[in-house]
Amino acid sequence: MPNPSLKNEKLYEELRDQGDSKEKAARISNAVAARGSTSVGRKGGKAGSYDDWTVAHLRQRAKELGLHGYSHKRKSELVEELRNH
């Protein structure tokens, strides 16, 4: 079923398959549809991998995103939840 809030569903699905969160994939796919891939590619930076973050930083990010139940999770579980929120 098509999602009317997604402007480029094919790119969205590719990004999700690569492990991007739903929010990030939607943001990127809609930006590409609006401004073109070369414009978006030049603007974007490179964030560090969640695997390189400390557990404290991962918990802080989970809190910022409004996730629940993260305080007792292990690092691998936090990384998975942040990637798939």
N, C-alpha and C. Protein backbone atom coordinates (compact mmCIF):
# COMPACT_ATOMS: atom_id res chain seq x y z
N MET A 1 0.84 -1.17 0.00
CA MET A 1 0.00 0.00 0.00
C MET A 1 0.89 1.24 0.00
N PRO A 2 0.70 2.13 -0.94
CA PRO A 2 1.55 3.33 -1.02
C PRO A 2 1.39 4.23 0.20
N ASN A 3 2.48 4.81 0.60
CA ASN A 3 2.47 5.74 1.72
C ASN A 3 2.53 7.15 1.17
N PRO A 4 1.48 7.96 1.34
CA PRO A 4 1.45 9.29 0.74
C PRO A 4 2.48 10.25 1.31
N SER A 5 3.03 9.97 2.49
CA SER A 5 4.03 10.86 3.05
C SER A 5 5.42 10.63 2.49
N LEU A 6 5.61 9.53 1.75
CA LEU A 6 6.90 9.23 1.14
C LEU A 6 6.87 9.66 -0.32
N LYS A 7 7.85 10.45 -0.70
CA LYS A 7 7.91 10.94 -2.07
C LYS A 7 8.71 10.03 -2.99
N ASN A 8 9.59 9.21 -2.42
CA ASN A 8 10.40 8.28 -3.20
C ASN A 8 10.45 6.96 -2.44
N GLU A 9 9.42 6.13 -2.62
CA GLU A 9 9.31 4.89 -1.85
C GLU A 9 10.42 3.89 -2.16
N LYS A 10 10.88 3.86 -3.40
CA LYS A 10 11.94 2.92 -3.77
C LYS A 10 13.22 3.22 -2.99
N LEU A 11 13.61 4.49 -2.94
CA LEU A 11 14.80 4.88 -2.19
C LEU A 11 14.59 4.62 -0.70
N TYR A 12 13.40 4.90 -0.20
CA TYR A 12 13.08 4.64 1.20
C TYR A 12 13.34 3.17 1.54
N GLU A 13 12.83 2.26 0.70
CA GLU A 13 13.00 0.83 0.95
C GLU A 13 14.48 0.43 0.88
N GLU A 14 15.22 1.00 -0.06
CA GLU A 14 16.65 0.70 -0.17
C GLU A 14 17.39 1.13 1.11
N LEU A 15 17.06 2.31 1.60
CA LEU A 15 17.70 2.81 2.81
C LEU A 15 17.35 1.95 4.02
N ARG A 16 16.09 1.53 4.13
CA ARG A 16 15.68 0.65 5.23
C ARG A 16 16.43 -0.68 5.15
N ASP A 17 16.60 -1.22 3.93
CA ASP A 17 17.33 -2.48 3.76
C ASP A 17 18.79 -2.33 4.19
N GLN A 18 19.34 -1.12 4.06
CA GLN A 18 20.72 -0.87 4.47
C GLN A 18 20.86 -0.68 5.98
N GLY A 19 19.72 -0.59 6.68
CA GLY A 19 19.76 -0.47 8.13
C GLY A 19 19.42 0.90 8.67
N ASP A 20 19.04 1.84 7.82
CA ASP A 20 18.66 3.16 8.31
C ASP A 20 17.32 3.09 9.03
N SER A 21 17.12 3.97 9.99
CA SER A 21 15.85 4.02 10.72
C SER A 21 14.74 4.51 9.79
N LYS A 22 13.51 4.29 10.17
CA LYS A 22 12.37 4.75 9.37
C LYS A 22 12.41 6.26 9.19
N GLU A 23 12.71 6.96 10.27
CA GLU A 23 12.77 8.42 10.24
C GLU A 23 13.84 8.93 9.28
N LYS A 24 15.02 8.37 9.37
CA LYS A 24 16.13 8.80 8.52
C LYS A 24 15.86 8.47 7.06
N ALA A 25 15.37 7.26 6.80
CA ALA A 25 15.08 6.86 5.43
C ALA A 25 14.02 7.76 4.80
N ALA A 26 12.99 8.10 5.56
CA ALA A 26 11.93 8.98 5.04
C ALA A 26 12.49 10.37 4.78
N ARG A 27 13.29 10.87 5.69
CA ARG A 27 13.87 12.22 5.53
C ARG A 27 14.75 12.30 4.29
N ILE A 28 15.59 11.31 4.09
CA ILE A 28 16.49 11.31 2.95
C ILE A 28 15.72 11.13 1.64
N SER A 29 14.80 10.18 1.60
CA SER A 29 14.07 9.92 0.36
C SER A 29 13.21 11.11 -0.05
N ASN A 30 12.62 11.80 0.92
CA ASN A 30 11.82 12.98 0.59
C ASN A 30 12.71 14.15 0.15
N ALA A 31 13.88 14.29 0.75
CA ALA A 31 14.81 15.35 0.34
C ALA A 31 15.30 15.12 -1.08
N VAL A 32 15.60 13.88 -1.42
CA VAL A 32 16.06 13.55 -2.78
C VAL A 32 14.96 13.86 -3.79
N ALA A 33 13.72 13.52 -3.44
CA ALA A 33 12.60 13.78 -4.34
C ALA A 33 12.41 15.29 -4.54
N ALA A 34 12.63 16.08 -3.50
CA ALA A 34 12.41 17.52 -3.58
C ALA A 34 13.57 18.28 -4.23
N ARG A 35 14.82 17.89 -3.93
CA ARG A 35 15.97 18.69 -4.37
C ARG A 35 16.91 17.97 -5.32
N GLY A 36 16.77 16.67 -5.47
CA GLY A 36 17.67 15.91 -6.33
C GLY A 36 18.79 15.28 -5.53
N SER A 37 19.27 14.15 -6.02
CA SER A 37 20.26 13.37 -5.27
C SER A 37 21.61 14.06 -5.16
N THR A 38 22.04 14.80 -6.17
CA THR A 38 23.35 15.44 -6.08
C THR A 38 23.35 16.56 -5.05
N SER A 39 22.26 17.29 -4.95
CA SER A 39 22.16 18.36 -3.95
C SER A 39 22.17 17.79 -2.54
N VAL A 40 21.41 16.73 -2.33
CA VAL A 40 21.33 16.11 -1.01
C VAL A 40 22.65 15.45 -0.65
N GLY A 41 23.30 14.83 -1.61
CA GLY A 41 24.58 14.17 -1.37
C GLY A 41 25.67 15.13 -0.96
N ARG A 42 25.68 16.32 -1.54
CA ARG A 42 26.69 17.32 -1.18
C ARG A 42 26.47 17.85 0.22
N LYS A 43 25.20 18.00 0.61
CA LYS A 43 24.88 18.60 1.89
C LYS A 43 25.17 17.67 3.06
N GLY A 44 24.89 16.40 2.90
CA GLY A 44 24.97 15.45 4.01
C GLY A 44 26.38 15.23 4.53
N GLY A 45 26.44 14.93 5.80
CA GLY A 45 27.71 14.61 6.44
C GLY A 45 27.77 13.13 6.73
N LYS A 46 28.69 12.75 7.58
CA LYS A 46 28.84 11.35 7.94
C LYS A 46 28.89 11.26 9.46
N ALA A 47 27.87 10.67 10.01
CA ALA A 47 27.84 10.48 11.46
C ALA A 47 28.58 9.19 11.80
N GLY A 48 29.11 9.14 12.99
CA GLY A 48 29.78 7.93 13.43
C GLY A 48 28.80 6.79 13.61
N SER A 49 29.29 5.60 13.57
CA SER A 49 28.47 4.41 13.73
C SER A 49 28.06 4.27 15.19
N TYR A 50 26.83 3.81 15.42
CA TYR A 50 26.39 3.56 16.79
C TYR A 50 27.30 2.55 17.47
N ASP A 51 27.94 1.69 16.72
CA ASP A 51 28.84 0.70 17.31
C ASP A 51 30.03 1.34 18.02
N ASP A 52 30.37 2.57 17.62
CA ASP A 52 31.50 3.27 18.23
C ASP A 52 31.09 4.09 19.45
N TRP A 53 29.80 4.24 19.70
CA TRP A 53 29.30 5.04 20.81
C TRP A 53 29.39 4.25 22.12
N THR A 54 29.48 4.98 23.22
CA THR A 54 29.44 4.34 24.53
C THR A 54 27.97 4.03 24.87
N VAL A 55 27.77 3.15 25.84
CA VAL A 55 26.41 2.81 26.27
C VAL A 55 25.71 4.06 26.81
N ALA A 56 26.43 4.89 27.53
CA ALA A 56 25.83 6.11 28.08
C ALA A 56 25.32 7.02 26.96
N HIS A 57 26.10 7.17 25.91
CA HIS A 57 25.67 8.00 24.78
C HIS A 57 24.49 7.37 24.05
N LEU A 58 24.49 6.06 23.91
CA LEU A 58 23.38 5.37 23.26
C LEU A 58 22.09 5.56 24.07
N ARG A 59 22.20 5.47 25.39
CA ARG A 59 21.02 5.68 26.24
C ARG A 59 20.52 7.11 26.13
N GLN A 60 21.44 8.06 26.07
CA GLN A 60 21.06 9.46 25.93
C GLN A 60 20.32 9.68 24.61
N ARG A 61 20.81 9.07 23.54
CA ARG A 61 20.16 9.21 22.23
C ARG A 61 18.77 8.57 22.25
N ALA A 62 18.64 7.42 22.91
CA ALA A 62 17.34 6.76 23.03
C ALA A 62 16.37 7.66 23.79
N LYS A 63 16.85 8.32 24.81
CA LYS A 63 16.02 9.25 25.58
C LYS A 63 15.58 10.41 24.70
N GLU A 64 16.50 10.98 23.91
CA GLU A 64 16.18 12.09 23.01
C GLU A 64 15.10 11.71 22.01
N LEU A 65 15.12 10.46 21.57
CA LEU A 65 14.15 9.99 20.58
C LEU A 65 12.83 9.55 21.20
N GLY A 66 12.77 9.57 22.53
CA GLY A 66 11.53 9.19 23.21
C GLY A 66 11.29 7.70 23.30
N LEU A 67 12.35 6.91 23.19
CA LEU A 67 12.22 5.47 23.30
C LEU A 67 12.07 5.09 24.77
N HIS A 68 11.49 3.92 25.02
CA HIS A 68 11.26 3.46 26.39
C HIS A 68 11.93 2.11 26.61
N GLY A 69 12.29 1.83 27.87
CA GLY A 69 12.85 0.54 28.23
C GLY A 69 14.31 0.36 27.86
N TYR A 70 15.02 1.44 27.63
CA TYR A 70 16.41 1.34 27.18
C TYR A 70 17.41 1.23 28.33
N SER A 71 17.00 1.53 29.55
CA SER A 71 17.96 1.62 30.66
C SER A 71 18.56 0.27 31.05
N HIS A 72 17.89 -0.83 30.74
CA HIS A 72 18.41 -2.15 31.12
C HIS A 72 18.93 -2.94 29.92
N LYS A 73 19.01 -2.31 28.76
CA LYS A 73 19.44 -3.04 27.56
C LYS A 73 20.95 -3.03 27.44
N ARG A 74 21.44 -4.09 26.81
CA ARG A 74 22.88 -4.16 26.50
C ARG A 74 23.17 -3.29 25.28
N LYS A 75 24.44 -3.05 25.04
CA LYS A 75 24.86 -2.17 23.95
C LYS A 75 24.31 -2.66 22.61
N SER A 76 24.42 -3.94 22.32
CA SER A 76 23.95 -4.46 21.04
C SER A 76 22.45 -4.27 20.88
N GLU A 77 21.71 -4.40 21.98
CA GLU A 77 20.26 -4.20 21.93
C GLU A 77 19.91 -2.73 21.72
N LEU A 78 20.67 -1.83 22.35
CA LEU A 78 20.46 -0.40 22.16
C LEU A 78 20.73 0.01 20.71
N VAL A 79 21.83 -0.49 20.16
CA VAL A 79 22.18 -0.17 18.77
C VAL A 79 21.06 -0.63 17.84
N GLU A 80 20.59 -1.84 18.03
CA GLU A 80 19.52 -2.36 17.17
C GLU A 80 18.24 -1.53 17.30
N GLU A 81 17.90 -1.16 18.53
CA GLU A 81 16.67 -0.38 18.74
C GLU A 81 16.80 1.02 18.12
N LEU A 82 17.95 1.64 18.24
CA LEU A 82 18.14 2.97 17.66
C LEU A 82 18.10 2.91 16.13
N ARG A 83 18.67 1.88 15.56
CA ARG A 83 18.66 1.76 14.10
C ARG A 83 17.26 1.47 13.55
N ASN A 84 16.41 0.86 14.36
CA ASN A 84 15.11 0.44 13.87
C ASN A 84 13.94 1.14 14.54
N HIS A 85 14.19 2.27 15.17
CA HIS A 85 13.08 2.95 15.87
C HIS A 85 12.08 3.53 14.89
